[in-house]
Amino acid sequence: MLALSRKVNESIMIGHDIEITILEIKGEQVKIGINAPKSVPLYRKEIYAQIQEANQEAVSAETSPEVLKKLF
């Protein structure tokens, strides 16, 4: 993990086309802006974890023996 110190209005670049800018700092909260191509999906980590969990559940449900018996 790379740890950087940034001030308001300072940015970091990820690759050639993703820019993360510090917009505001209030106490323990930091507001960031992310400029990325529309083809790059952006999610808060907790939302991403929910999506992954839902995908795993869907795969498990689709491959259960009961579902497979119904298909044949």
PDB file of N, CA and C in Angstrom:
ATOM      1  N   MET A   1       0.849  -1.173   0.000  1.00  0.00           N
ATOM      2  CA  MET A   1       0.000   0.000   0.000  1.00  0.00           C
ATOM      3  C   MET A   1       0.893   1.234   0.000  1.00  0.00           C
ATOM      4  N   LEU A   2       0.518   2.184  -0.817  1.00  0.00           N
ATOM      5  CA  LEU A   2       1.214   3.458  -0.881  1.00  0.00           C
ATOM      6  C   LEU A   2       0.441   4.455  -0.025  1.00  0.00           C
ATOM      7  N   ALA A   3       1.107   5.082   0.928  1.00  0.00           N
ATOM      8  CA  ALA A   3       0.477   6.094   1.777  1.00  0.00           C
ATOM      9  C   ALA A   3       1.066   7.456   1.419  1.00  0.00           C
ATOM     10  N   LEU A   4       0.196   8.397   1.088  1.00  0.00           N
ATOM     11  CA  LEU A   4       0.623   9.732   0.683  1.00  0.00           C
ATOM     12  C   LEU A   4      -0.045  10.788   1.546  1.00  0.00           C
ATOM     13  N   SER A   5       0.626  11.897   1.727  1.00  0.00           N
ATOM     14  CA  SER A   5       0.023  13.069   2.360  1.00  0.00           C
ATOM     15  C   SER A   5      -0.349  14.049   1.267  1.00  0.00           C
ATOM     16  N   ARG A   6      -1.553  14.538   1.305  1.00  0.00           N
ATOM     17  CA  ARG A   6      -2.036  15.506   0.306  1.00  0.00           C
ATOM     18  C   ARG A   6      -2.784  16.601   1.042  1.00  0.00           C
ATOM     19  N   LYS A   7      -2.759  17.793   0.484  1.00  0.00           N
ATOM     20  CA  LYS A   7      -3.518  18.922   1.007  1.00  0.00           C
ATOM     21  C   LYS A   7      -4.714  19.161   0.093  1.00  0.00           C
ATOM     22  N   VAL A   8      -5.620  20.027   0.528  1.00  0.00           N
ATOM     23  CA  VAL A   8      -6.788  20.359  -0.274  1.00  0.00           C
ATOM     24  C   VAL A   8      -6.343  20.862  -1.646  1.00  0.00           C
ATOM     25  N   ASN A   9      -7.030  20.407  -2.667  1.00  0.00           N
ATOM     26  CA  ASN A   9      -6.775  20.728  -4.082  1.00  0.00           C
ATOM     27  C   ASN A   9      -5.531  20.049  -4.652  1.00  0.00           C
ATOM     28  N   GLU A  10      -4.893  19.158  -3.912  1.00  0.00           N
ATOM     29  CA  GLU A  10      -3.788  18.370  -4.449  1.00  0.00           C
ATOM     30  C   GLU A  10      -4.340  17.024  -4.907  1.00  0.00           C
ATOM     31  N   SER A  11      -3.668  16.441  -5.896  1.00  0.00           N
ATOM     32  CA  SER A  11      -4.166  15.213  -6.515  1.00  0.00           C
ATOM     33  C   SER A  11      -3.100  14.139  -6.564  1.00  0.00           C
ATOM     34  N   ILE A  12      -3.569  12.926  -6.847  1.00  0.00           N
ATOM     35  CA  ILE A  12      -2.677  11.824  -7.218  1.00  0.00           C
ATOM     36  C   ILE A  12      -3.238  11.220  -8.498  1.00  0.00           C
ATOM     37  N   MET A  13      -2.385  10.609  -9.271  1.00  0.00           N
ATOM     38  CA  MET A  13      -2.798   9.969 -10.522  1.00  0.00           C
ATOM     39  C   MET A  13      -2.627   8.462 -10.381  1.00  0.00           C
ATOM     40  N   ILE A  14      -3.591   7.726 -10.891  1.00  0.00           N
ATOM     41  CA  ILE A  14      -3.500   6.277 -10.980  1.00  0.00           C
ATOM     42  C   ILE A  14      -3.501   5.960 -12.467  1.00  0.00           C
ATOM     43  N   GLY A  15      -2.391   5.467 -12.945  1.00  0.00           N
ATOM     44  CA  GLY A  15      -2.256   5.256 -14.384  1.00  0.00           C
ATOM     45  C   GLY A  15      -2.263   6.587 -15.106  1.00  0.00           C
ATOM     46  N   HIS A  16      -2.783   6.579 -16.332  1.00  0.00           N
ATOM     47  CA  HIS A  16      -2.793   7.796 -17.147  1.00  0.00           C
ATOM     48  C   HIS A  16      -4.119   8.542 -17.089  1.00  0.00           C
ATOM     49  N   ASP A  17      -5.171   7.876 -16.590  1.00  0.00           N
ATOM     50  CA  ASP A  17      -6.475   8.497 -16.748  1.00  0.00           C
ATOM     51  C   ASP A  17      -7.364   8.511 -15.509  1.00  0.00           C
ATOM     52  N   ILE A  18      -6.814   8.218 -14.348  1.00  0.00           N
ATOM     53  CA  ILE A  18      -7.596   8.299 -13.111  1.00  0.00           C
ATOM     54  C   ILE A  18      -6.915   9.297 -12.178  1.00  0.00           C
ATOM     55  N   GLU A  19      -7.661  10.337 -11.815  1.00  0.00           N
ATOM     56  CA  GLU A  19      -7.132  11.384 -10.937  1.00  0.00           C
ATOM     57  C   GLU A  19      -7.978  11.446  -9.674  1.00  0.00           C
ATOM     58  N   ILE A  20      -7.326  11.435  -8.531  1.00  0.00           N
ATOM     59  CA  ILE A  20      -8.007  11.550  -7.245  1.00  0.00           C
ATOM     60  C   ILE A  20      -7.560  12.866  -6.612  1.00  0.00           C
ATOM     61  N   THR A  21      -8.529  13.723  -6.294  1.00  0.00           N
ATOM     62  CA  THR A  21      -8.243  15.049  -5.764  1.00  0.00           C
ATOM     63  C   THR A  21      -8.853  15.188  -4.373  1.00  0.00           C
ATOM     64  N   ILE A  22      -8.106  15.775  -3.459  1.00  0.00           N
ATOM     65  CA  ILE A  22      -8.624  16.084  -2.126  1.00  0.00           C
ATOM     66  C   ILE A  22      -9.428  17.373  -2.253  1.00  0.00           C
ATOM     67  N   LEU A  23     -10.732  17.298  -1.974  1.00  0.00           N
ATOM     68  CA  LEU A  23     -11.600  18.457  -2.122  1.00  0.00           C
ATOM     69  C   LEU A  23     -11.768  19.241  -0.832  1.00  0.00           C
ATOM     70  N   GLU A  24     -11.838  18.519   0.297  1.00  0.00           N
ATOM     71  CA  GLU A  24     -12.129  19.178   1.558  1.00  0.00           C
ATOM     72  C   GLU A  24     -11.697  18.285   2.717  1.00  0.00           C
ATOM     73  N   ILE A  25     -11.239  18.901   3.788  1.00  0.00           N
ATOM     74  CA  ILE A  25     -10.885  18.177   5.015  1.00  0.00           C
ATOM     75  C   ILE A  25     -11.603  18.867   6.168  1.00  0.00           C
ATOM     76  N   LYS A  26     -12.453  18.100   6.861  1.00  0.00           N
ATOM     77  CA  LYS A  26     -13.175  18.616   8.033  1.00  0.00           C
ATOM     78  C   LYS A  26     -13.000  17.625   9.168  1.00  0.00           C
ATOM     79  N   GLY A  27     -12.202  17.968  10.139  1.00  0.00           N
ATOM     80  CA  GLY A  27     -11.966  17.065  11.259  1.00  0.00           C
ATOM     81  C   GLY A  27     -11.400  15.742  10.788  1.00  0.00           C
ATOM     82  N   GLU A  28     -12.121  14.658  11.058  1.00  0.00           N
ATOM     83  CA  GLU A  28     -11.659  13.323  10.667  1.00  0.00           C
ATOM     84  C   GLU A  28     -12.220  12.885   9.318  1.00  0.00           C
ATOM     85  N   GLN A  29     -12.932  13.773   8.639  1.00  0.00           N
ATOM     86  CA  GLN A  29     -13.563  13.411   7.365  1.00  0.00           C
ATOM     87  C   GLN A  29     -12.850  14.106   6.205  1.00  0.00           C
ATOM     88  N   VAL A  30     -12.583  13.328   5.160  1.00  0.00           N
ATOM     89  CA  VAL A  30     -11.919  13.841   3.966  1.00  0.00           C
ATOM     90  C   VAL A  30     -12.845  13.619   2.783  1.00  0.00           C
ATOM     91  N   LYS A  31     -13.096  14.677   2.015  1.00  0.00           N
ATOM     92  CA  LYS A  31     -13.920  14.569   0.820  1.00  0.00           C
ATOM     93  C   LYS A  31     -12.979  14.502  -0.381  1.00  0.00           C
ATOM     94  N   ILE A  32     -13.157  13.469  -1.200  1.00  0.00           N
ATOM     95  CA  ILE A  32     -12.296  13.295  -2.370  1.00  0.00           C
ATOM     96  C   ILE A  32     -13.143  13.338  -3.633  1.00  0.00           C
ATOM     97  N   GLY A  33     -12.501  13.724  -4.720  1.00  0.00           N
ATOM     98  CA  GLY A  33     -13.123  13.681  -6.032  1.00  0.00           C
ATOM     99  C   GLY A  33     -12.340  12.710  -6.900  1.00  0.00           C
ATOM    100  N   ILE A  34     -13.047  11.940  -7.699  1.00  0.00           N
ATOM    101  CA  ILE A  34     -12.397  10.956  -8.559  1.00  0.00           C
ATOM    102  C   ILE A  34     -12.795  11.244  -9.994  1.00  0.00           C
ATOM    103  N   ASN A  35     -11.805  11.465 -10.824  1.00  0.00           N
ATOM    104  CA  ASN A  35     -12.029  11.683 -12.245  1.00  0.00           C
ATOM    105  C   ASN A  35     -11.485  10.465 -12.980  1.00  0.00           C
ATOM    106  N   ALA A  36     -12.393   9.694 -13.568  1.00  0.00           N
ATOM    107  CA  ALA A  36     -12.004   8.458 -14.249  1.00  0.00           C
ATOM    108  C   ALA A  36     -12.893   8.272 -15.475  1.00  0.00           C
ATOM    109  N   PRO A  37     -12.430   7.492 -16.438  1.00  0.00           N
ATOM    110  CA  PRO A  37     -13.269   7.200 -17.603  1.00  0.00           C
ATOM    111  C   PRO A  37     -14.555   6.485 -17.178  1.00  0.00           C
ATOM    112  N   LYS A  38     -15.613   6.674 -17.947  1.00  0.00           N
ATOM    113  CA  LYS A  38     -16.889   6.028 -17.629  1.00  0.00           C
ATOM    114  C   LYS A  38     -16.794   4.512 -17.694  1.00  0.00           C
ATOM    115  N   SER A  39     -15.806   4.000 -18.395  1.00  0.00           N
ATOM    116  CA  SER A  39     -15.652   2.549 -18.508  1.00  0.00           C
ATOM    117  C   SER A  39     -15.077   1.923 -17.241  1.00  0.00           C
ATOM    118  N   VAL A  40     -14.618   2.750 -16.299  1.00  0.00           N
ATOM    119  CA  VAL A  40     -14.053   2.255 -15.041  1.00  0.00           C
ATOM    120  C   VAL A  40     -15.135   2.331 -13.966  1.00  0.00           C
ATOM    121  N   PRO A  41     -15.603   1.183 -13.462  1.00  0.00           N
ATOM    122  CA  PRO A  41     -16.628   1.223 -12.411  1.00  0.00           C
ATOM    123  C   PRO A  41     -16.030   1.725 -11.090  1.00  0.00           C
ATOM    124  N   LEU A  42     -16.772   2.588 -10.405  1.00  0.00           N
ATOM    125  CA  LEU A  42     -16.343   3.125  -9.112  1.00  0.00           C
ATOM    126  C   LEU A  42     -17.408   2.806  -8.079  1.00  0.00           C
ATOM    127  N   TYR A  43     -17.011   2.200  -6.974  1.00  0.00           N
ATOM    128  CA  TYR A  43     -17.929   1.842  -5.898  1.00  0.00           C
ATOM    129  C   TYR A  43     -17.281   2.156  -4.561  1.00  0.00           C
ATOM    130  N   ARG A  44     -18.113   2.534  -3.581  1.00  0.00           N
ATOM    131  CA  ARG A  44     -17.619   2.554  -2.203  1.00  0.00           C
ATOM    132  C   ARG A  44     -17.341   1.109  -1.827  1.00  0.00           C
ATOM    133  N   LYS A  45     -16.357   0.890  -0.967  1.00  0.00           N
ATOM    134  CA  LYS A  45     -15.938  -0.480  -0.658  1.00  0.00           C
ATOM    135  C   LYS A  45     -17.073  -1.321  -0.092  1.00  0.00           C
ATOM    136  N   GLU A  46     -17.905  -0.740   0.772  1.00  0.00           N
ATOM    137  CA  GLU A  46     -18.991  -1.528   1.370  1.00  0.00           C
ATOM    138  C   GLU A  46     -20.022  -1.930   0.312  1.00  0.00           C
ATOM    139  N   ILE A  47     -20.257  -1.093  -0.680  1.00  0.00           N
ATOM    140  CA  ILE A  47     -21.170  -1.440  -1.772  1.00  0.00           C
ATOM    141  C   ILE A  47     -20.546  -2.530  -2.639  1.00  0.00           C
ATOM    142  N   TYR A  48     -19.260  -2.397  -2.922  1.00  0.00           N
ATOM    143  CA  TYR A  48     -18.553  -3.409  -3.716  1.00  0.00           C
ATOM    144  C   TYR A  48     -18.632  -4.774  -3.025  1.00  0.00           C
ATOM    145  N   ALA A  49     -18.459  -4.792  -1.709  1.00  0.00           N
ATOM    146  CA  ALA A  49     -18.535  -6.052  -0.959  1.00  0.00           C
ATOM    147  C   ALA A  49     -19.937  -6.661  -1.074  1.00  0.00           C
ATOM    148  N   GLN A  50     -20.980  -5.829  -1.035  1.00  0.00           N
ATOM    149  CA  GLN A  50     -22.349  -6.329  -1.181  1.00  0.00           C
ATOM    150  C   GLN A  50     -22.578  -6.915  -2.568  1.00  0.00           C
ATOM    151  N   ILE A  51     -22.030  -6.273  -3.586  1.00  0.00           N
ATOM    152  CA  ILE A  51     -22.165  -6.774  -4.953  1.00  0.00           C
ATOM    153  C   ILE A  51     -21.472  -8.133  -5.071  1.00  0.00           C
ATOM    154  N   GLN A  52     -20.270  -8.243  -4.522  1.00  0.00           N
ATOM    155  CA  GLN A  52     -19.529  -9.507  -4.568  1.00  0.00           C
ATOM    156  C   GLN A  52     -20.300 -10.610  -3.856  1.00  0.00           C
ATOM    157  N   GLU A  53     -20.864 -10.281  -2.697  1.00  0.00           N
ATOM    158  CA  GLU A  53     -21.628 -11.267  -1.927  1.00  0.00           C
ATOM    159  C   GLU A  53     -22.865 -11.723  -2.702  1.00  0.00           C
ATOM    160  N   ALA A  54     -23.566 -10.784  -3.314  1.00  0.00           N
ATOM    161  CA  ALA A  54     -24.749 -11.129  -4.096  1.00  0.00           C
ATOM    162  C   ALA A  54     -24.365 -12.005  -5.288  1.00  0.00           C
ATOM    163  N   ASN A  55     -23.243 -11.712  -5.911  1.00  0.00           N
ATOM    164  CA  ASN A  55     -22.780 -12.531  -7.036  1.00  0.00           C
ATOM    165  C   ASN A  55     -22.454 -13.951  -6.576  1.00  0.00           C
ATOM    166  N   GLN A  56     -21.817 -14.082  -5.419  1.00  0.00           N
ATOM    167  CA  GLN A  56     -21.493 -15.411  -4.890  1.00  0.00           C
ATOM    168  C   GLN A  56     -22.766 -16.194  -4.579  1.00  0.00           C
ATOM    169  N   GLU A  57     -23.760 -15.518  -4.004  1.00  0.00           N
ATOM    170  CA  GLU A  57     -25.021 -16.183  -3.692  1.00  0.00           C
ATOM    171  C   GLU A  57     -25.717 -16.650  -4.966  1.00  0.00           C
ATOM    172  N   ALA A  58     -25.663 -15.811  -6.001  1.00  0.00           N
ATOM    173  CA  ALA A  58     -26.299 -16.180  -7.270  1.00  0.00           C
ATOM    174  C   ALA A  58     -25.623 -17.396  -7.882  1.00  0.00           C
ATOM    175  N   VAL A  59     -24.326 -17.450  -7.819  1.00  0.00           N
ATOM    176  CA  VAL A  59     -23.592 -18.595  -8.365  1.00  0.00           C
ATOM    177  C   VAL A  59     -23.910 -19.844  -7.564  1.00  0.00           C
ATOM    178  N   SER A  60     -23.941 -19.730  -6.247  1.00  0.00           N
ATOM    179  CA  SER A  60     -24.240 -20.882  -5.397  1.00  0.00           C
ATOM    180  C   SER A  60     -25.645 -21.402  -5.649  1.00  0.00           C
ATOM    181  N   ALA A  61     -26.594 -20.502  -5.800  1.00  0.00           N
ATOM    182  CA  ALA A  61     -27.982 -20.907  -6.027  1.00  0.00           C
ATOM    183  C   ALA A  61     -28.137 -21.583  -7.377  1.00  0.00           C
ATOM    184  N   GLU A  62     -27.430 -21.091  -8.383  1.00  0.00           N
ATOM    185  CA  GLU A  62     -27.554 -21.645  -9.727  1.00  0.00           C
ATOM    186  C   GLU A  62     -26.949 -23.037  -9.841  1.00  0.00           C
ATOM    187  N   THR A  63     -26.002 -23.370  -8.995  1.00  0.00           N
ATOM    188  CA  THR A  63     -25.318 -24.654  -9.124  1.00  0.00           C
ATOM    189  C   THR A  63     -25.721 -25.659  -8.052  1.00  0.00           C
ATOM    190  N   SER A  64     -26.780 -25.353  -7.299  1.00  0.00           N
ATOM    191  CA  SER A  64     -27.214 -26.309  -6.282  1.00  0.00           C
ATOM    192  C   SER A  64     -27.813 -27.537  -6.966  1.00  0.00           C
ATOM    193  N   PRO A  65     -27.727 -28.708  -6.348  1.00  0.00           N
ATOM    194  CA  PRO A  65     -28.253 -29.933  -6.962  1.00  0.00           C
ATOM    195  C   PRO A  65     -29.735 -29.834  -7.314  1.00  0.00           C
ATOM    196  N   GLU A  66     -30.520 -29.151  -6.485  1.00  0.00           N
ATOM    197  CA  GLU A  66     -31.947 -29.027  -6.759  1.00  0.00           C
ATOM    198  C   GLU A  66     -32.194 -28.248  -8.049  1.00  0.00           C
ATOM    199  N   VAL A  67     -31.465 -27.191  -8.236  1.00  0.00           N
ATOM    200  CA  VAL A  67     -31.619 -26.379  -9.453  1.00  0.00           C
ATOM    201  C   VAL A  67     -31.169 -27.165 -10.664  1.00  0.00           C
ATOM    202  N   LEU A  68     -30.074 -27.901 -10.548  1.00  0.00           N
ATOM    203  CA  LEU A  68     -29.590 -28.697 -11.667  1.00  0.00           C
ATOM    204  C   LEU A  68     -30.588 -29.791 -12.044  1.00  0.00           C
ATOM    205  N   LYS A  69     -31.240 -30.430 -11.035  1.00  0.00           N
ATOM    206  CA  LYS A  69     -32.245 -31.444 -11.313  1.00  0.00           C
ATOM    207  C   LYS A  69     -33.420 -30.852 -12.089  1.00  0.00           C
ATOM    208  N   LYS A  70     -33.805 -29.631 -11.724  1.00  0.00           N
ATOM    209  CA  LYS A  70     -34.924 -28.985 -12.422  1.00  0.00           C
ATOM    210  C   LYS A  70     -34.563 -28.681 -13.870  1.00  0.00           C
ATOM    211  N   LEU A  71     -33.311 -28.404 -14.142  1.00  0.00           N
ATOM    212  CA  LEU A  71     -32.883 -28.094 -15.516  1.00  0.00           C
ATOM    213  C   LEU A  71     -32.928 -29.325 -16.411  1.00  0.00           C
ATOM    214  N   PHE A  72     -32.714 -30.506 -15.835  1.00  0.00           N
ATOM    215  CA  PHE A  72     -32.696 -31.741 -16.615  1.00  0.00           C
ATOM    216  C   PHE A  72     -33.976 -32.452 -16.405  1.00  0.00           C
TER     217      PHE A  72
END
